């Protein structure tokens, strides 16, 4: 058990924090920490099924409910230093009598010099009654550090008397970062049972187990994808930048030891339908790590503090499954109005501050891809250097990019041929975005099939172009507004200059 967890809990108790809420699922781990902190204290435990039980032996001592338990034990603090360990009582924290008893014990601990009783609530579900907010301190068991993960792996290897290469241990240790001790041991056992050894292939097993955490939480969405960097037509500056970062992610252990900073992420701003979402998927493919999507709307709860707790859990989960790409689509909608004209509500403002702090302080391998169309209502502090490694602007595709996008969609459907006049199509599709061009190809192929054709021509494509309303005509004012906003900030173009013969 980590010495840091013991030290932190002991410091909270010494500082007279009267109620400490320990958010954890593994009671054995928590019991070990409490036992070491309370070596000379009297520990009494409440169990929902058995009532008052012996903390060390777990033997039943008195069958009672929580109210009776608190009345039985609350005066122990006058005679001994006492820890009241209450497990899974979150459902009881709406009971006015329970709240009143907990408050009474907390006030005695704070204001009576001869009283020493600390309440330790242990539950994976966090419920904070408003009446007790000022008395409760939330305590998280720190996750194992890299060196501690190395020790866990080495102990496991030694116990089984197997041989594992040091490079494999280093890589697997990085994959385990963000998991707790219980989860690491569980996966190591599963890996050994599956193949009788520990090797590089077990990184995939770790990834699959991490996906289970996502599915069970409901806080994040795991995104399955087949898109690669080759599916992006154009955006050469952005693709080149991502390819550099991919070399870091594919050699994380060596890069960190060399002194390379772990990449934080990017913000991609620009026109709708121009490849921002595609880039998020292609990034995960290029880095060979999972892609998870954070929907801030999904985190909003109806109780006080619930939304902030959900955000905390979502970010903690992202860290647990790292390395991963955390995709926040249309981030301007999630945090609209924050810090601007005051239209952002109080909960959204707190969530934004929480997310901003996490971004600034994170030292994990969560690579953020934030995508946005209109950032005119985004707080300026979110866009400054340091939050992201880089900001990119995705404009409507230029002539060369439109040619590449059309080629990609035609080849994907086995309908590309040398007879198609790229120059003519470039001229006809000025102002079209990637989604418009994909629609042109799909409509052309569908009409060719209906007409009984075996191939398509330039004329077929041009006819579909004429039947398609481009984004530049349907969202003319919106596009002008986006460009005006982007012109005011320091942002890199995702595309290289046009080399086509576009008029």
Protein backbone atom coordinates (compact mmCIF):
# COMPACT_ATOMS: atom_id res chain seq x y z
CA UNK A 1 0.00 0.00 0.00
CA UNK A 2 1.28 3.44 -0.92
CA UNK A 3 2.88 5.39 1.86
CA UNK A 4 1.45 8.60 0.30
CA UNK A 5 -2.16 7.44 0.86
CA UNK A 6 -1.42 6.80 4.55
CA UNK A 7 0.35 10.15 4.94
CA UNK A 8 -2.42 12.14 3.24
CA UNK A 9 -5.20 10.51 5.26
CA UNK A 10 -3.23 11.01 8.49
CA UNK A 11 -2.71 14.70 7.66
CA UNK A 12 -6.46 15.17 7.09
CA UNK A 13 -7.24 13.59 10.46
CA UNK A 14 -4.54 15.62 12.25
CA UNK A 15 -6.00 18.78 10.70
CA UNK A 16 -9.37 17.93 12.31
CA UNK A 17 -11.29 17.19 9.12
CA UNK A 18 -14.36 15.74 10.88
CA UNK A 19 -15.90 13.71 8.00
CA UNK A 20 -13.66 12.13 5.35
CA UNK A 21 -15.43 10.64 2.35
CA UNK A 22 -13.28 7.92 0.76
CA UNK A 23 -14.42 7.27 -2.78
CA UNK A 24 -13.30 3.70 -3.54
CA UNK A 25 -14.70 0.26 -4.35
CA UNK A 26 -12.05 -1.97 -2.74
CA UNK A 27 -12.77 -2.07 1.00
CA UNK A 28 -9.72 -4.26 1.67
CA UNK A 29 -7.39 -1.58 0.30
CA UNK A 30 -9.13 1.11 2.37
CA UNK A 31 -9.09 -1.02 5.52
CA UNK A 32 -5.32 -1.40 5.17
CA UNK A 33 -4.87 2.39 4.95
CA UNK A 34 -7.21 3.08 7.88
CA UNK A 35 -5.51 0.39 10.01
CA UNK A 36 -2.10 1.98 9.45
CA UNK A 37 -3.35 5.50 10.17
CA UNK A 38 -5.42 4.39 13.16
CA UNK A 39 -2.84 2.06 14.67
CA UNK A 40 -3.46 3.55 18.14
CA UNK A 41 -7.09 4.56 17.62
CA UNK A 42 -10.31 2.71 18.36
CA UNK A 43 -11.87 1.70 15.00
CA UNK A 44 -15.57 0.82 14.97
CA UNK A 45 -17.28 -0.20 11.74
CA UNK A 46 -20.85 -0.09 10.45
CA UNK A 47 -22.03 -2.72 7.96
CA UNK A 48 -25.44 -2.33 6.28
CA UNK A 49 -26.30 -6.01 6.77
CA UNK A 50 -24.72 -6.72 10.17
CA UNK A 51 -24.72 -3.39 11.98
CA UNK A 52 -21.81 -2.82 14.41
CA UNK A 53 -18.90 -5.14 13.57
CA UNK A 54 -15.32 -5.62 14.72
CA UNK A 55 -13.10 -3.60 12.35
CA UNK A 56 -10.25 -6.14 12.43
CA UNK A 57 -12.09 -9.49 12.44
CA UNK A 58 -15.35 -8.32 10.76
CA UNK A 59 -17.29 -10.30 13.39
CA UNK A 60 -20.80 -8.99 14.20
CA UNK A 61 -21.02 -7.25 17.59
CA UNK A 62 -24.47 -5.67 17.61
CA UNK A 63 -27.23 -5.89 15.00
CA UNK A 64 -28.53 -2.35 14.45
CA UNK A 65 -29.33 0.30 11.86
CA UNK A 66 -27.11 3.31 11.18
CA UNK A 67 -29.04 5.66 13.47
CA UNK A 68 -28.69 3.23 16.40
CA UNK A 69 -24.99 2.64 15.55
CA UNK A 70 -24.20 6.35 15.68
CA UNK A 71 -26.02 6.78 18.99
CA UNK A 72 -24.12 3.78 20.41
CA UNK A 73 -20.66 4.92 19.35
CA UNK A 74 -20.71 8.73 19.16
CA UNK A 75 -19.58 9.18 22.80
CA UNK A 76 -16.51 6.94 22.30
CA UNK A 77 -14.66 10.04 21.16
CA UNK A 78 -14.64 11.37 24.73
CA UNK A 79 -12.66 8.33 25.93
CA UNK A 80 -10.43 7.35 22.97
CA UNK A 81 -9.30 8.63 19.63
CA UNK A 82 -12.03 6.98 17.54
CA UNK A 83 -12.56 6.24 13.86
CA UNK A 84 -16.20 5.62 12.90
CA UNK A 85 -15.92 3.66 9.63
CA UNK A 86 -19.24 3.77 7.74
CA UNK A 87 -19.41 1.66 4.58
CA UNK A 88 -21.85 2.11 1.69
CA UNK A 89 -24.16 4.43 3.62
CA UNK A 90 -24.76 6.77 0.64
CA UNK A 91 -28.48 5.86 0.56
CA UNK A 92 -28.81 6.97 4.20
CA UNK A 93 -27.46 10.46 3.54
CA UNK A 94 -30.89 11.85 2.72
CA UNK A 95 -32.21 10.92 6.19
CA UNK A 96 -32.51 14.09 8.36
CA UNK A 97 -31.79 12.11 11.56
CA UNK A 98 -28.58 10.63 10.12
CA UNK A 99 -27.49 14.07 8.88
CA UNK A 100 -28.15 15.57 12.32
CA UNK A 101 -26.15 12.83 14.11
CA UNK A 102 -23.20 13.15 11.71
CA UNK A 103 -23.26 16.92 12.13
CA UNK A 104 -23.28 16.56 15.92
CA UNK A 105 -20.21 14.28 15.84
CA UNK A 106 -18.43 16.62 13.39
CA UNK A 107 -19.07 19.68 15.57
CA UNK A 108 -17.87 17.85 18.69
CA UNK A 109 -14.66 16.96 16.87
CA UNK A 110 -14.11 20.55 15.77
CA UNK A 111 -15.11 22.47 18.88
CA UNK A 112 -14.65 20.18 21.89
CA UNK A 113 -11.01 19.85 22.98
CA UNK A 114 -11.59 16.55 24.83
CA UNK A 115 -13.44 14.87 21.94
CA UNK A 116 -11.62 13.00 19.14
CA UNK A 117 -13.82 11.07 16.68
CA UNK A 118 -13.35 11.08 12.91
CA UNK A 119 -16.08 9.80 10.59
CA UNK A 120 -14.77 7.84 7.59
CA UNK A 121 -17.46 7.22 4.96
CA UNK A 122 -16.31 4.57 2.46
CA UNK A 123 -18.33 4.18 -0.76
CA UNK A 124 -17.82 4.14 -4.51
CA UNK A 125 -20.91 6.38 -4.84
CA UNK A 126 -20.42 9.95 -3.66
CA UNK A 127 -23.42 11.68 -2.10
CA UNK A 128 -22.80 14.99 -0.32
CA UNK A 129 -25.82 16.39 1.60
CA UNK A 130 -25.90 20.19 1.46
CA UNK A 131 -26.09 20.34 5.26
CA UNK A 132 -22.75 18.52 5.55
CA UNK A 133 -20.84 20.11 2.64
CA UNK A 134 -18.62 22.23 4.90
CA UNK A 135 -17.73 19.25 7.13
CA UNK A 136 -16.88 16.71 4.42
CA UNK A 137 -13.50 16.23 2.75
CA UNK A 138 -13.34 13.89 -0.26
CA UNK A 139 -10.26 11.66 -0.22
CA UNK A 140 -9.10 9.72 -3.27
CA UNK A 141 -6.59 6.91 -2.90
CA UNK A 142 -3.68 8.03 -5.13
CA UNK A 143 -3.12 5.78 -8.14
CA UNK A 144 0.20 3.90 -8.36
CA UNK A 145 3.10 5.85 -9.82
CA UNK A 146 5.21 4.39 -12.64
CA UNK A 147 7.84 3.20 -10.16
CA UNK A 148 5.15 1.55 -8.02
CA UNK A 149 3.67 -0.14 -11.11
CA UNK A 150 7.15 -1.44 -11.96
CA UNK A 151 7.37 -2.88 -8.44
CA UNK A 152 3.97 -4.57 -8.78
CA UNK A 153 5.01 -6.18 -12.10
CA UNK A 154 8.40 -7.24 -10.73
CA UNK A 155 6.75 -8.79 -7.65
CA UNK A 156 4.29 -10.66 -9.88
CA UNK A 157 7.09 -11.95 -12.13
CA UNK A 158 9.18 -13.02 -9.16
CA UNK A 159 6.28 -14.86 -7.48
CA UNK A 160 5.59 -16.84 -10.67
CA UNK A 161 9.29 -17.34 -11.43
CA UNK A 162 8.95 -16.26 -15.07
CA UNK A 163 11.30 -14.20 -17.24
CA UNK A 164 10.16 -10.96 -18.92
CA UNK A 165 12.31 -8.57 -20.99
CA UNK A 166 12.91 -5.15 -19.44
CA UNK A 167 11.58 -3.29 -22.53
CA UNK A 168 8.33 -5.27 -22.22
CA UNK A 169 8.04 -4.37 -18.52
CA UNK A 170 8.59 -0.68 -19.35
CA UNK A 171 5.94 -0.65 -22.10
CA UNK A 172 3.37 -2.58 -20.06
CA UNK A 173 3.99 -0.35 -17.03
CA UNK A 174 3.07 2.71 -19.13
CA UNK A 175 -0.08 0.95 -20.35
CA UNK A 176 -1.05 0.29 -16.72
CA UNK A 177 -0.74 3.97 -15.77
CA UNK A 178 -4.06 5.24 -14.46
CA UNK A 179 -5.20 1.88 -13.07
CA UNK A 180 -5.36 1.04 -9.39
CA UNK A 181 -3.45 -1.77 -7.72
CA UNK A 182 -6.42 -4.16 -7.75
CA UNK A 183 -6.99 -3.67 -11.50
CA UNK A 184 -3.28 -4.11 -12.32
CA UNK A 185 -3.04 -7.39 -10.42
CA UNK A 186 -6.27 -8.60 -11.99
CA UNK A 187 -5.02 -7.95 -15.54
CA UNK A 188 -1.59 -9.49 -14.83
CA UNK A 189 -3.29 -12.66 -13.62
CA UNK A 190 -5.54 -12.69 -16.69
CA UNK A 191 -2.55 -12.20 -19.02
CA UNK A 192 -0.61 -15.01 -17.39
CA UNK A 193 -3.59 -17.39 -17.42
CA UNK A 194 -4.22 -16.57 -21.09
CA UNK A 195 -0.72 -17.24 -22.43
CA UNK A 196 1.45 -18.52 -19.60
CA UNK A 197 3.76 -15.52 -19.93
CA UNK A 198 3.88 -11.71 -20.02
CA UNK A 199 4.83 -10.14 -23.37
CA UNK A 200 4.16 -7.19 -25.70
CA UNK A 201 0.90 -8.75 -26.92
CA UNK A 202 -0.55 -8.19 -23.46
CA UNK A 203 -0.79 -4.47 -24.23
CA UNK A 204 -3.85 -5.39 -26.33
CA UNK A 205 -5.31 -7.29 -23.40
CA UNK A 206 -4.81 -4.24 -21.17
CA UNK A 207 -6.57 -2.12 -23.79
CA UNK A 208 -9.57 -4.49 -23.93
CA UNK A 209 -9.87 -4.48 -20.15
CA UNK A 210 -9.76 -0.68 -20.14
CA UNK A 211 -12.60 -0.65 -22.67
CA UNK A 212 -14.67 -2.58 -20.12
CA UNK A 213 -14.21 0.27 -17.63
CA UNK A 214 -15.61 2.73 -20.20
CA UNK A 215 -18.65 0.61 -21.03
CA UNK A 216 -19.53 0.07 -17.38
CA UNK A 217 -19.15 3.72 -16.39
CA UNK A 218 -21.54 5.35 -18.87
CA UNK A 219 -19.45 8.54 -18.50
CA UNK A 220 -17.51 8.22 -21.75
CA UNK A 221 -18.30 6.65 -25.10
CA UNK A 222 -15.79 4.40 -26.82
CA UNK A 223 -15.74 5.16 -30.54
CA UNK A 224 -15.07 2.35 -33.01
CA UNK A 225 -13.53 3.52 -36.26
CA UNK A 226 -11.93 2.29 -39.48
CA UNK A 227 -10.70 5.67 -40.72
CA UNK A 228 -6.97 6.27 -41.14
CA UNK A 229 -4.83 9.32 -41.88
CA UNK A 230 -4.99 8.37 -45.60
CA UNK A 231 -8.75 9.00 -45.57
CA UNK A 232 -8.14 12.70 -45.02
CA UNK A 233 -7.94 14.65 -48.27
CA UNK A 234 -5.54 17.55 -47.81
CA UNK A 235 -4.86 19.17 -44.41
CA UNK A 236 -1.18 18.40 -44.98
CA UNK A 237 0.12 20.71 -42.23
CA UNK A 238 -2.13 19.05 -39.66
CA UNK A 239 -1.30 15.52 -40.88
CA UNK A 240 2.43 16.23 -40.79
CA UNK A 241 2.14 17.57 -37.22
CA UNK A 242 0.14 14.52 -36.09
CA UNK A 243 2.66 12.15 -37.70
CA UNK A 244 5.41 13.73 -35.58
CA UNK A 245 3.39 13.26 -32.40
CA UNK A 246 2.64 9.66 -33.42
CA UNK A 247 6.37 8.89 -33.27
CA UNK A 248 6.37 10.05 -29.65
CA UNK A 249 3.30 7.96 -28.75
CA UNK A 250 4.68 4.83 -30.42
CA UNK A 251 7.89 5.14 -28.33
CA UNK A 252 6.48 6.72 -25.17
CA UNK A 253 8.85 5.10 -22.69
CA UNK A 254 11.96 6.06 -24.66
CA UNK A 255 10.62 9.54 -25.46
CA UNK A 256 9.90 10.33 -21.80
CA UNK A 257 13.35 9.11 -20.74
CA UNK A 258 14.90 11.25 -23.48
CA UNK A 259 13.14 14.30 -22.03
CA UNK A 260 10.34 14.74 -24.58
CA UNK A 261 7.17 16.31 -23.15
CA UNK A 262 4.10 14.10 -23.40
CA UNK A 263 1.83 15.60 -26.12
CA UNK A 264 -1.25 17.30 -24.60
CA UNK A 265 -3.55 17.63 -27.57
CA UNK A 266 -4.90 19.88 -30.29
CA UNK A 267 -7.88 22.09 -30.96
CA UNK A 268 -9.26 21.98 -34.48
CA UNK A 269 -11.44 24.94 -35.42
CA UNK A 270 -13.19 25.44 -38.71
CA UNK A 271 -15.95 24.86 -41.17
CA UNK A 272 -18.60 22.19 -40.70
CA UNK A 273 -18.08 19.05 -42.77
CA UNK A 274 -14.40 19.72 -43.45
CA UNK A 275 -12.81 16.74 -41.71
CA UNK A 276 -12.54 17.71 -38.02
CA UNK A 277 -14.33 14.59 -36.74
CA UNK A 278 -12.51 12.45 -39.30
CA UNK A 279 -9.22 13.83 -37.98
CA UNK A 280 -10.11 12.78 -34.41
CA UNK A 281 -10.63 9.19 -35.60
CA UNK A 282 -7.54 9.23 -37.80
CA UNK A 283 -5.46 10.51 -34.86
CA UNK A 284 -6.42 7.52 -32.72
CA UNK A 285 -5.63 5.22 -35.67
CA UNK A 286 -2.26 6.87 -36.26
CA UNK A 287 -1.33 6.74 -32.55
CA UNK A 288 -2.68 3.16 -32.27
CA UNK A 289 -4.61 3.99 -29.10
CA UNK A 290 -8.34 3.94 -28.24
CA UNK A 291 -10.67 6.83 -29.05
CA UNK A 292 -13.18 7.93 -26.41
CA UNK A 293 -15.70 10.74 -26.70
CA UNK A 294 -16.65 13.05 -23.85
CA UNK A 295 -20.19 14.42 -24.07
CA UNK A 296 -20.41 17.16 -21.43
CA UNK A 297 -24.22 17.12 -21.65
CA UNK A 298 -24.20 13.51 -20.48
CA UNK A 299 -22.45 14.56 -17.24
CA UNK A 300 -25.11 17.03 -16.11
CA UNK A 301 -26.96 15.78 -13.00
CA UNK A 302 -30.00 16.98 -11.09
CA UNK A 303 -28.42 17.10 -7.62
CA UNK A 304 -26.05 19.71 -6.17
CA UNK A 305 -22.47 18.76 -6.99
CA UNK A 306 -23.49 15.77 -9.13
CA UNK A 307 -22.31 17.30 -12.42
CA UNK A 308 -18.91 18.20 -10.98
CA UNK A 309 -18.56 14.70 -9.52
CA UNK A 310 -19.45 13.19 -12.92
CA UNK A 311 -16.82 15.37 -14.61
CA UNK A 312 -14.24 14.30 -12.04
CA UNK A 313 -15.07 10.64 -12.63
CA UNK A 314 -15.03 11.03 -16.44
CA UNK A 315 -11.59 12.66 -16.40
CA UNK A 316 -10.30 10.11 -13.92
CA UNK A 317 -11.61 7.34 -16.20
CA UNK A 318 -9.87 8.91 -19.20
CA UNK A 319 -6.64 8.83 -17.20
CA UNK A 320 -7.28 5.21 -16.23
CA UNK A 321 -7.60 4.08 -19.84
CA UNK A 322 -4.69 6.20 -21.12
CA UNK A 323 -2.90 6.30 -23.43
CA UNK A 324 -6.01 7.32 -25.34
CA UNK A 325 -7.44 10.09 -27.50
CA UNK A 326 -10.15 12.06 -25.66
CA UNK A 327 -12.41 13.61 -28.29
CA UNK A 328 -14.66 16.51 -27.33
CA UNK A 329 -16.81 17.28 -30.35
CA UNK A 330 -18.34 20.76 -30.79
CA UNK A 331 -16.74 21.91 -27.55
CA UNK A 332 -18.12 25.41 -28.03
CA UNK A 333 -21.64 24.07 -27.38
CA UNK A 334 -20.55 22.32 -24.16
CA UNK A 335 -19.05 25.49 -22.66
CA UNK A 336 -20.95 28.20 -24.53
CA UNK A 337 -21.13 31.57 -22.78
CA UNK A 338 -18.67 30.76 -20.01
CA UNK A 339 -16.73 33.86 -19.00
CA UNK A 340 -18.31 35.93 -21.73
CA UNK A 341 -21.64 37.76 -21.37
CA UNK A 342 -22.65 35.64 -18.39
CA UNK A 343 -25.07 33.46 -20.35
CA UNK A 344 -23.26 30.30 -19.27
CA UNK A 345 -25.02 28.90 -16.21
CA UNK A 346 -23.31 28.33 -12.89
CA UNK A 347 -22.90 24.56 -13.30
CA UNK A 348 -21.40 24.93 -16.79
CA UNK A 349 -18.98 27.55 -15.48
CA UNK A 350 -17.81 25.24 -12.70
CA UNK A 351 -17.43 22.32 -15.13
CA UNK A 352 -15.40 24.53 -17.46
CA UNK A 353 -13.11 25.60 -14.61
CA UNK A 354 -12.70 21.98 -13.54
CA UNK A 355 -11.82 20.88 -17.08
CA UNK A 356 -9.44 23.82 -17.56
CA UNK A 357 -7.55 23.00 -14.34
CA UNK A 358 -7.26 19.35 -15.34
CA UNK A 359 -5.89 20.30 -18.78
CA UNK A 360 -3.33 22.62 -17.25
CA UNK A 361 -2.10 20.18 -14.60
CA UNK A 362 -2.41 16.81 -16.34
CA UNK A 363 0.75 14.78 -16.72
CA UNK A 364 -0.85 11.71 -18.24
CA UNK A 365 -1.01 10.28 -21.76
CA UNK A 366 -4.54 11.47 -22.54
CA UNK A 367 -4.29 13.26 -25.90
CA UNK A 368 -7.16 15.72 -26.28
CA UNK A 369 -8.74 16.40 -29.66
CA UNK A 370 -11.22 19.26 -29.25
CA UNK A 371 -13.21 20.20 -32.34
CA UNK A 372 -15.24 23.38 -32.79
CA UNK A 373 -17.07 25.32 -35.49
CA UNK A 374 -17.86 28.72 -33.96
CA UNK A 375 -15.54 29.79 -31.12
CA UNK A 376 -16.83 33.37 -30.87
CA UNK A 377 -18.45 32.60 -27.48
CA UNK A 378 -15.56 30.55 -26.10
CA UNK A 379 -13.55 32.11 -23.24
CA UNK A 380 -10.21 33.44 -24.54
CA UNK A 381 -8.26 31.70 -21.75
CA UNK A 382 -9.27 28.35 -23.25
CA UNK A 383 -7.54 29.18 -26.53
CA UNK A 384 -4.22 30.46 -25.22
CA UNK A 385 -0.97 28.56 -25.76
CA UNK A 386 -0.28 25.97 -23.10
CA UNK A 387 -3.77 24.50 -22.96
CA UNK A 388 -3.14 22.67 -26.23
CA UNK A 389 0.07 21.87 -28.07
CA UNK A 390 -1.34 23.58 -31.14
CA UNK A 391 -4.48 25.19 -32.61
CA UNK A 392 -5.36 24.45 -36.25
CA UNK A 393 -7.87 26.12 -38.56
CA UNK A 394 -9.62 23.93 -41.12
CA UNK A 395 -10.90 26.08 -43.98
CA UNK A 396 -13.08 25.00 -46.89
CA UNK A 397 -10.93 22.68 -49.04
CA UNK A 398 -8.89 24.36 -51.76
CA UNK A 399 -8.76 23.04 -55.32
CA UNK A 400 -6.03 20.45 -54.75
CA UNK A 401 -7.75 19.23 -51.60
CA UNK A 402 -11.11 18.90 -53.36
CA UNK A 403 -9.43 16.75 -56.03
CA UNK A 404 -7.93 14.49 -53.34
CA UNK A 405 -11.25 14.20 -51.48
CA UNK A 406 -13.11 13.23 -54.66
CA UNK A 407 -10.38 10.69 -55.51
CA UNK A 408 -10.59 9.16 -52.02
CA UNK A 409 -14.36 8.67 -52.20
CA UNK A 410 -14.27 7.39 -55.78
CA UNK A 411 -11.49 4.89 -55.00
CA UNK A 412 -13.24 3.75 -51.82
CA UNK A 413 -16.21 2.77 -54.01
CA UNK A 414 -14.06 1.40 -56.89
CA UNK A 415 -15.33 4.03 -59.33
CA UNK A 416 -12.20 6.10 -59.97
CA UNK A 417 -10.90 6.09 -63.55
CA UNK A 418 -8.30 8.00 -65.59
CA UNK A 419 -10.97 9.58 -67.78
CA UNK A 420 -12.32 11.78 -64.99
CA UNK A 421 -11.30 15.42 -65.55
CA UNK A 422 -10.02 16.69 -62.21
CA UNK A 423 -9.50 20.26 -63.43
CA UNK A 424 -13.12 20.59 -64.55
CA UNK A 425 -14.36 19.21 -61.23
CA UNK A 426 -12.15 21.58 -59.22
CA UNK A 427 -13.70 24.57 -61.04
CA UNK A 428 -17.25 23.29 -60.58
CA UNK A 429 -16.92 22.51 -56.85
CA UNK A 430 -15.60 25.82 -55.56
CA UNK A 431 -17.09 26.46 -52.07
CA UNK A 432 -17.88 22.77 -51.43
CA UNK A 433 -16.79 21.11 -48.19
CA UNK A 434 -15.74 17.49 -47.71
CA UNK A 435 -19.27 16.37 -46.81
CA UNK A 436 -20.63 18.06 -49.96
CA UNK A 437 -18.05 16.27 -52.12
CA UNK A 438 -18.82 12.90 -50.55
CA UNK A 439 -22.53 13.49 -51.22
CA UNK A 440 -21.73 14.29 -54.88
CA UNK A 441 -19.85 10.98 -55.31
CA UNK A 442 -22.55 8.94 -53.55
CA UNK A 443 -25.37 10.51 -55.57
CA UNK A 444 -23.46 10.07 -58.84
CA UNK A 445 -22.80 6.37 -58.17
CA UNK A 446 -26.41 5.79 -57.12
CA UNK A 447 -27.77 7.39 -60.31
CA UNK A 448 -25.29 5.41 -62.43
CA UNK A 449 -26.54 2.19 -60.84
CA UNK A 450 -30.19 3.11 -61.41
CA UNK A 451 -29.43 3.97 -65.05
CA UNK A 452 -27.64 0.64 -65.56
CA UNK A 453 -24.18 2.13 -66.13
CA UNK A 454 -20.97 0.24 -65.28
CA UNK A 455 -18.80 3.35 -64.77
CA UNK A 456 -19.17 7.06 -64.17
CA UNK A 457 -17.96 10.07 -66.16
CA UNK A 458 -16.94 13.65 -65.48
CA UNK A 459 -20.30 14.78 -66.85
CA UNK A 460 -22.13 12.49 -64.38
CA UNK A 461 -20.22 14.05 -61.49
CA UNK A 462 -20.77 17.62 -62.74
CA UNK A 463 -24.52 16.98 -62.98
CA UNK A 464 -24.54 15.86 -59.33
CA UNK A 465 -22.53 18.96 -58.41
CA UNK A 466 -25.22 21.14 -60.01
CA UNK A 467 -27.91 19.30 -58.03
CA UNK A 468 -26.06 19.84 -54.73
CA UNK A 469 -26.26 23.00 -52.66
CA UNK A 470 -22.82 23.67 -51.21
CA UNK A 471 -22.22 24.75 -47.63
CA UNK A 472 -20.85 28.10 -48.85
CA UNK A 473 -24.26 28.93 -50.31
CA UNK A 474 -26.44 27.58 -47.47
CA UNK A 475 -24.30 28.91 -44.57
CA UNK A 476 -22.74 31.98 -46.18
CA UNK A 477 -23.16 34.30 -43.17
CA UNK A 478 -22.04 31.64 -40.68
CA UNK A 479 -18.86 30.96 -42.65
CA UNK A 480 -18.05 34.67 -42.78
CA UNK A 481 -18.53 34.88 -38.99
CA UNK A 482 -16.23 31.89 -38.36
CA UNK A 483 -13.50 33.37 -40.56
CA UNK A 484 -13.79 36.76 -38.84
CA UNK A 485 -13.40 35.17 -35.40
CA UNK A 486 -10.44 33.00 -36.43
CA UNK A 487 -8.62 35.99 -37.95
CA UNK A 488 -8.33 37.49 -34.44
CA UNK A 489 -6.41 34.59 -32.85
CA UNK A 490 -3.01 32.97 -33.39
CA UNK A 491 -3.85 29.76 -35.21
CA UNK A 492 -2.08 27.57 -37.77
CA UNK A 493 -3.70 26.67 -41.09
CA UNK A 494 -4.32 22.92 -41.37
CA UNK A 495 -3.77 23.07 -45.14
CA UNK A 496 -0.75 23.91 -47.28
CA UNK A 497 -1.08 26.54 -50.04
CA UNK A 498 -3.12 25.43 -53.06
CA UNK A 499 -1.06 24.01 -55.92
CA UNK A 500 -3.98 23.36 -58.27
CA UNK A 501 -4.94 25.39 -61.33
CA UNK A 502 -8.08 26.61 -59.61
CA UNK A 503 -9.42 29.77 -61.16
